[in-house]
Protein backbone atom coordinates (compact mmCIF):
# COMPACT_ATOMS: atom_id res chain seq x y z
CA MET A 1 -71.50 -21.83 108.82
CA ILE A 2 -70.93 -18.08 109.32
CA VAL A 3 -67.56 -18.28 107.57
CA GLN A 4 -69.13 -20.10 104.59
CA LYS A 5 -71.90 -17.49 104.28
CA LEU A 6 -69.35 -14.67 104.50
CA LYS A 7 -67.22 -16.35 101.89
CA HIS A 8 -70.21 -16.79 99.56
CA PHE A 9 -71.25 -13.15 100.05
CA MET A 10 -67.78 -11.76 99.33
CA THR A 11 -67.33 -14.00 96.27
CA SER A 12 -70.66 -12.97 94.72
CA TRP A 13 -70.15 -9.30 95.61
CA SER A 14 -66.64 -9.11 94.15
CA LYS A 15 -67.72 -10.90 90.96
CA GLY A 16 -70.60 -8.48 90.51
CA ILE A 17 -68.26 -5.48 90.85
CA ALA A 18 -65.71 -7.07 88.50
CA LYS A 19 -68.39 -7.57 85.84
CA GLY A 20 -69.82 -4.07 86.26
CA ILE A 21 -66.55 -2.09 86.07
CA PRO A 22 -65.79 -2.83 82.34
CA TYR A 23 -69.29 -1.74 81.32
CA GLN A 24 -69.07 1.49 83.33
CA LEU A 25 -65.68 2.31 81.83
CA LYS A 26 -66.94 1.65 78.29
CA SER A 27 -70.01 3.82 78.91
CA LEU A 28 -67.80 6.72 80.10
CA ILE A 29 -65.41 6.69 77.14
CA GLY A 30 -68.06 5.71 74.56
CA SER A 31 -66.09 2.77 73.07
CA GLY A 32 -66.82 -0.91 72.78
CA LEU A 33 -70.57 -0.35 72.49
CA TYR A 34 -70.79 -0.42 68.69
CA TYR A 35 -69.53 -3.16 66.36
CA SER A 36 -69.31 -3.29 62.57
CA ALA A 37 -69.77 -6.95 61.54
CA ILE A 38 -68.10 -8.02 58.28
CA ASP A 39 -69.15 -11.13 56.29
CA LEU A 40 -66.65 -11.53 53.44
CA LYS A 41 -67.90 -12.71 50.05
CA ASP A 42 -66.02 -13.26 46.76
CA ASN A 43 -65.88 -9.70 45.44
CA ASP A 44 -67.80 -7.77 48.11
CA PHE A 45 -68.88 -8.10 51.74
CA LEU A 46 -71.97 -7.77 53.91
CA LEU A 47 -71.60 -4.97 56.49
CA SER A 48 -73.88 -4.88 59.56
CA GLN A 49 -74.07 -2.37 62.41
CA PHE A 50 -74.65 -3.65 65.96
CA HIS A 51 -75.09 -1.72 69.20
CA GLU A 52 -74.72 -3.73 72.43
CA GLY A 53 -75.53 -6.87 70.43
CA ASN A 54 -78.67 -5.38 68.83
CA PHE A 55 -78.87 -5.27 65.02
CA ILE A 56 -79.30 -1.75 63.57
CA LYS A 57 -78.69 -1.82 59.82
CA THR A 58 -76.93 -3.75 57.07
CA ARG A 59 -75.89 -3.37 53.44
CA ARG A 60 -73.77 -5.07 50.80
CA VAL A 61 -70.54 -3.19 50.03
CA ALA A 62 -68.45 -3.36 46.86
CA ARG A 63 -64.66 -3.15 46.97
CA LYS A 64 -64.42 0.34 45.48
CA GLU A 65 -66.82 1.89 48.01
CA ALA A 66 -65.65 0.02 51.12
CA ILE A 67 -63.61 2.81 52.74
CA GLU A 68 -66.29 5.44 52.13
CA VAL A 69 -69.12 3.29 53.52
CA MET A 70 -67.11 2.27 56.60
CA GLY A 71 -66.98 5.95 57.54
CA HIS A 72 -70.73 5.75 58.30
CA TYR A 73 -70.40 2.71 60.60
CA GLN A 74 -69.28 2.90 64.23
CA GLY A 75 -67.25 0.69 66.54
CA GLU A 76 -64.57 -1.90 66.07
CA GLN A 77 -64.55 -4.00 62.92
CA VAL A 78 -65.54 -7.62 63.63
CA ILE A 79 -64.90 -10.25 60.97
CA VAL A 80 -67.39 -13.13 61.07
CA ILE A 81 -65.74 -16.50 60.42
CA PRO A 82 -67.83 -18.83 58.18
CA ASP A 83 -69.05 -22.05 59.82
CA GLU A 84 -67.07 -24.21 57.40
CA ASP A 85 -63.80 -22.56 58.48
CA SER A 86 -64.11 -23.46 62.19
CA ILE A 87 -64.49 -26.59 64.31
CA THR A 88 -66.61 -26.77 67.47
CA PHE A 89 -66.67 -29.39 70.20
CA ASN A 90 -68.06 -29.77 73.72
CA LEU A 91 -66.20 -31.02 76.77
CA SER A 92 -67.35 -32.18 80.22
CA LEU A 93 -64.85 -32.10 83.08
CA PRO A 94 -64.77 -32.32 86.85
CA LYS A 95 -64.86 -28.86 88.43
CA THR A 96 -61.47 -29.50 89.99
CA ALA A 97 -59.91 -29.80 86.51
CA LEU A 98 -60.56 -26.12 85.73
CA ARG A 99 -57.11 -25.15 86.99
CA SER A 100 -55.60 -27.31 84.22
CA LEU A 101 -58.18 -26.25 81.64
CA GLU A 102 -55.73 -24.84 79.07
CA GLN A 103 -53.70 -28.06 79.00
CA LEU A 104 -56.84 -30.20 78.77
CA LEU A 105 -58.19 -28.12 75.87
CA GLU A 106 -54.87 -28.51 74.02
CA SER A 107 -55.16 -32.28 74.45
CA GLU A 108 -58.78 -32.24 73.19
CA ILE A 109 -57.78 -30.19 70.13
CA GLN A 110 -55.24 -32.86 69.18
CA ARG A 111 -57.78 -35.63 69.85
CA GLN A 112 -60.87 -34.16 68.16
CA THR A 113 -59.36 -32.16 65.28
CA PRO A 114 -56.69 -32.86 62.64
CA PHE A 115 -54.62 -29.96 64.02
CA ASP A 116 -52.01 -29.43 66.70
CA ALA A 117 -52.88 -26.87 69.38
CA SER A 118 -50.16 -24.56 68.05
CA GLU A 119 -51.85 -24.51 64.62
CA VAL A 120 -55.19 -23.06 65.72
CA ASN A 121 -56.69 -20.10 67.56
CA LEU A 122 -59.03 -21.12 70.37
CA SER A 123 -62.18 -19.57 71.82
CA TYR A 124 -64.09 -21.28 74.62
CA GLU A 125 -66.67 -20.59 77.33
CA ILE A 126 -68.02 -22.39 80.37
CA ILE A 127 -71.67 -23.22 79.64
CA SER A 128 -72.70 -24.63 83.00
CA ILE A 129 -71.44 -25.96 86.32
CA ASP A 130 -73.67 -28.63 87.84
CA LYS A 131 -72.88 -30.98 90.74
CA GLY A 132 -69.15 -30.74 90.31
CA GLU A 133 -69.30 -31.19 86.52
CA VAL A 134 -68.32 -28.36 84.16
CA SER A 135 -69.64 -28.16 80.57
CA ILE A 136 -67.41 -26.26 78.15
CA ALA A 137 -68.08 -25.24 74.53
CA ALA A 138 -64.94 -24.71 72.46
CA GLN A 139 -64.36 -23.46 68.93
CA VAL A 140 -61.10 -23.48 66.99
CA VAL A 141 -60.04 -21.76 63.76
CA PRO A 142 -56.86 -22.78 61.90
CA LYS A 143 -54.35 -19.93 62.06
CA LEU A 144 -53.74 -20.18 58.31
CA LYS A 145 -57.47 -19.82 57.59
CA LEU A 146 -57.77 -16.83 59.96
CA LYS A 147 -54.76 -15.17 58.32
CA GLU A 148 -56.32 -15.81 54.91
CA LEU A 149 -59.55 -14.06 55.99
CA LEU A 150 -57.67 -11.10 57.52
CA ASP A 151 -55.50 -10.73 54.40
CA LYS A 152 -58.64 -10.74 52.24
CA ALA A 153 -60.20 -8.09 54.49
CA LYS A 154 -57.14 -5.89 53.94
CA THR A 155 -57.76 -5.97 50.18
CA PHE A 156 -61.02 -4.10 50.91
CA GLY A 157 -59.17 -1.58 53.07
CA LEU A 158 -60.60 -3.14 56.24
CA LYS A 159 -58.73 -3.56 59.54
CA PRO A 160 -60.73 -5.98 61.72
CA THR A 161 -59.48 -6.28 65.32
CA ILE A 162 -61.99 -8.94 66.42
CA ALA A 163 -62.91 -12.29 64.84
CA ILE A 164 -65.87 -14.36 66.07
CA GLY A 165 -67.63 -17.50 64.86
CA ASN A 166 -71.24 -16.57 65.69
CA ARG A 167 -72.63 -13.17 64.65
CA ALA A 168 -75.71 -13.77 66.85
CA ARG A 169 -73.45 -13.22 69.89
CA MET A 170 -72.07 -9.88 68.83
CA SER A 171 -72.56 -8.43 72.33
CA GLU A 172 -69.88 -10.87 73.57
CA ALA A 173 -67.49 -10.23 70.68
CA GLU A 174 -64.50 -9.26 72.81
CA ASN A 175 -64.84 -12.36 75.03
CA LEU A 176 -65.17 -14.70 72.01
CA ASN A 177 -62.40 -13.05 70.00
CA PHE A 178 -60.08 -15.42 68.06
CA ILE A 179 -57.51 -12.70 67.35
CA GLN A 180 -54.76 -12.55 69.98
CA ARG A 181 -54.40 -8.89 70.93
CA THR A 182 -50.86 -7.51 71.31
CA GLU A 183 -51.86 -3.96 72.34
CA PRO A 184 -54.82 -2.32 74.09
CA HIS A 185 -57.89 -1.21 72.12
CA ALA A 186 -57.71 2.39 70.92
CA ALA A 187 -60.15 4.61 72.78
CA SER A 188 -61.03 8.21 72.08
CA GLY A 189 -62.14 10.53 74.82
CA SER A 190 -61.68 13.98 76.22
CA LEU A 191 -59.70 14.92 79.32
CA PRO A 192 -62.82 15.04 81.57
CA ASN A 193 -63.62 11.44 80.60
CA VAL A 194 -60.10 10.35 81.53
CA VAL A 195 -60.37 12.10 84.89
CA SER A 196 -63.76 10.46 85.52
CA ILE A 197 -62.27 7.05 84.80
CA ALA A 198 -59.37 7.66 87.19
CA LEU A 199 -61.73 8.81 89.96
CA LEU A 200 -64.00 5.81 89.43
CA ILE A 201 -61.06 3.41 89.64
CA LEU A 202 -59.77 5.03 92.84
CA ILE A 203 -63.20 4.91 94.51
CA VAL A 204 -63.80 1.28 93.53
CA ALA A 205 -60.28 0.28 94.64
CA THR A 206 -60.80 1.93 98.05
CA VAL A 207 -64.13 0.18 98.65
CA VAL A 208 -63.22 -3.23 97.23
CA SER A 209 -59.65 -3.63 98.51
CA PRO A 210 -60.40 -5.11 102.00
CA PHE A 211 -62.90 -7.57 100.59
CA LEU A 212 -60.62 -8.62 97.75
CA GLN A 213 -57.77 -9.25 100.22
CA ARG A 214 -59.97 -11.57 102.24
CA HIS A 215 -61.29 -13.20 99.10
CA THR A 216 -57.71 -13.76 97.90
CA SER A 217 -56.80 -15.44 101.19
CA ILE A 218 -59.77 -17.77 100.89
CA GLU A 219 -58.82 -18.59 97.31
CA LYS A 220 -55.28 -19.46 98.37
CA ALA A 221 -56.64 -21.80 101.04
CA GLU A 222 -58.90 -23.45 98.48
CA LEU A 223 -56.01 -23.79 96.07
CA LEU A 224 -53.88 -25.58 98.65
CA ASN A 225 -56.78 -27.81 99.62
CA GLN A 226 -57.58 -28.78 96.01
CA ASN A 227 -54.02 -29.18 94.78
CA LEU A 228 -53.84 -32.90 95.55
CA LYS A 229 -57.24 -33.55 93.94
CA ASN A 230 -56.09 -31.73 90.80
CA GLN A 231 -53.01 -33.93 90.61
CA ILE A 232 -55.13 -37.07 91.00
CA THR A 233 -57.48 -35.89 88.24
CA SER A 234 -54.54 -35.22 85.93
CA ILE A 235 -53.12 -38.69 86.62
CA GLN A 236 -56.50 -40.29 85.91
CA LEU A 237 -56.76 -38.45 82.59
CA ASN A 238 -53.26 -39.61 81.66
CA GLN A 239 -54.15 -43.19 82.61
CA ARG A 240 -57.26 -43.07 80.41
CA GLU A 241 -55.19 -41.74 77.54
CA LEU A 242 -52.61 -44.51 78.08
CA THR A 243 -55.39 -47.12 78.03
CA HIS A 244 -56.65 -45.79 74.69
CA LEU A 245 -53.13 -45.87 73.26
CA LYS A 246 -52.63 -49.46 74.43
CA LYS A 247 -55.89 -50.52 72.74
CA ASP A 248 -54.85 -48.79 69.50
CA ALA A 249 -51.44 -50.49 69.62
CA GLN A 250 -53.09 -53.88 70.17
CA ILE A 251 -55.36 -53.37 67.15
CA ILE A 252 -52.37 -52.40 65.00
CA ARG A 253 -50.40 -55.46 66.15
CA LYS A 254 -53.32 -57.77 65.35
CA PHE A 255 -53.71 -56.19 61.92
CA ALA A 256 -50.01 -56.57 61.18
CA GLN A 257 -50.02 -60.19 62.39
CA LYS A 258 -53.04 -61.03 60.25
CA ARG A 259 -51.45 -59.34 57.25
CA ASP A 260 -48.24 -61.38 57.65
CA GLU A 261 -50.28 -64.61 57.92
CA VAL A 262 -52.14 -63.84 54.66
CA ILE A 263 -48.87 -63.08 52.86
CA ASP A 264 -47.33 -66.37 54.07
CA LEU A 265 -50.44 -68.28 52.98
CA LEU A 266 -50.42 -66.73 49.50
CA GLU A 267 -46.74 -67.58 49.14
CA SER A 268 -47.53 -71.22 50.01
CA VAL A 269 -50.40 -71.25 47.47
CA SER A 270 -48.18 -69.72 44.80
CA LYS A 271 -45.54 -72.43 45.31
CA ALA A 272 -48.11 -75.24 45.38
CA VAL A 273 -50.11 -74.58 42.20
CA PRO A 274 -48.69 -75.96 38.94
CA ASP A 275 -46.64 -73.69 36.66
CA SER A 276 -49.41 -73.86 34.07
CA ALA A 277 -51.89 -72.26 36.49
CA TRP A 278 -52.19 -68.72 37.86
CA LEU A 279 -54.46 -66.77 40.20
CA SER A 280 -56.51 -63.81 38.97
CA ARG A 281 -57.79 -62.72 42.41
CA TYR A 282 -58.32 -63.86 45.99
CA SER A 283 -60.25 -62.88 49.13
CA THR A 284 -60.27 -63.90 52.81
CA SER A 285 -63.20 -63.86 55.23
CA ASN A 286 -64.19 -65.75 58.39
CA ASN A 287 -61.11 -68.00 58.32
CA THR A 288 -61.68 -68.99 54.69
CA ILE A 289 -59.78 -68.14 51.49
CA THR A 290 -61.37 -67.96 48.04
CA LEU A 291 -59.20 -68.33 44.92
CA HIS A 292 -60.08 -67.49 41.30
CA GLY A 293 -57.82 -68.33 38.37
CA PHE A 294 -57.02 -70.34 35.24
CA ALA A 295 -55.21 -73.65 34.67
CA GLU A 296 -54.76 -76.31 32.03
CA ASN A 297 -56.25 -78.76 34.54
CA ALA A 298 -58.22 -77.29 37.46
CA SER A 299 -58.27 -80.66 39.23
CA ASP A 300 -54.48 -80.54 39.54
CA VAL A 301 -54.76 -77.19 41.32
CA LEU A 302 -57.28 -78.67 43.76
CA THR A 303 -54.97 -81.64 44.44
CA GLU A 304 -51.94 -79.42 45.14
CA LEU A 305 -53.91 -77.10 47.44
CA ALA A 306 -54.97 -80.10 49.53
CA LYS A 307 -51.28 -80.69 50.35
CA ILE A 308 -50.88 -77.28 52.06
CA LYS A 309 -50.88 -77.85 55.85
CA THR A 310 -52.48 -74.50 56.68
CA LEU A 311 -55.51 -75.19 54.43
CA SER A 312 -58.36 -77.65 54.98
CA THR A 313 -60.91 -79.19 52.60
CA PRO A 314 -60.35 -77.12 49.44
CA THR A 315 -63.43 -77.51 47.23
CA LEU A 316 -64.69 -76.17 43.91
CA GLN A 317 -67.41 -73.55 44.42
CA SER A 318 -68.68 -73.59 40.84
CA PRO A 319 -68.47 -75.82 37.76
CA ILE A 320 -65.17 -75.71 35.84
CA ILE A 321 -65.60 -73.56 32.71
CA LYS A 322 -63.47 -74.48 29.69
CA ASP A 323 -62.06 -71.71 27.48
CA VAL A 324 -61.59 -73.64 24.20
CA SER A 325 -59.74 -70.81 22.43
CA LYS A 326 -57.02 -70.70 25.11
CA ASN A 327 -57.28 -74.36 26.16
CA LEU A 328 -57.65 -73.26 29.82
CA GLU A 329 -60.08 -74.03 32.62
CA ARG A 330 -61.48 -71.31 34.88
CA PHE A 331 -61.65 -72.38 38.55
CA HIS A 332 -63.29 -71.02 41.74
CA ILE A 333 -61.92 -72.77 44.85
CA ARG A 334 -62.59 -72.17 48.54
CA ALA A 335 -60.72 -73.61 51.54
CA LYS A 336 -60.69 -73.20 55.31
CA ILE A 337 -57.64 -71.55 56.93
CA LEU A 338 -56.30 -73.54 59.86
């Protein structure tokens, strides 16, 4: 009991410090607090200023004045992706599956979208964890569409470093960013600020280090303990996927078999009807076949169809209509398929 309480205390305490450090660093250097949100239109764009997620001002900007206006807006440029250019989906998983989350999300992208995982940029967040179940909200943007938006932004002289799908969550822009960063954010600051950051990091490292070491040991023990369960979960997911594939294959086989049977039946009908008769259309439903066509003598067609072993009780479904100008009879015959 004491060990569990200690473990819970250290976990909560270390997470609180981990969340607080980025904010303190950003406050010291004065970066990351402001964002300039960009909504691209056809020939202009809507520019909005946000501070810590709070809306400050907005205006519509034409192409020729873009660079000048941007000089009056602070923070990193954030391009807002239109709803129609992204796909969202929700996913529920066992808590133990979190260690294989990336692979599971790739599988879900292939299952729920028309894209391969390599063709999209992904942003996701854990919404809730309840009784061992984890709810995840994911959003994907095709890489080609994101490149198209970034290229369009460049035509205005813009250089967005962040792309998000929901402007209402501007305060979380960096966490929801679709753009894969290849270098650290640029940050301006004087030498005293840099020294303050270094001192803060050293102090935090000195205080947190013993607790983090213990926390790491506990995490390793948990990892070893849960490893087998994770493997079982992965196997179960693969088995479910295999079951779905088997069902799909069975449906395809039945469809192909039914298609071959219809083709064979039509070939038998074609050989049976007299040369003076021909079919204009046919349909099959509920083990019956319906034939429409023309013949010099519709009764002869009915007689020949009765000889086909795979058909039963062919009957006329409407009176025979005589076309005097062509000396032909229109027939409508239905028979059961054996």
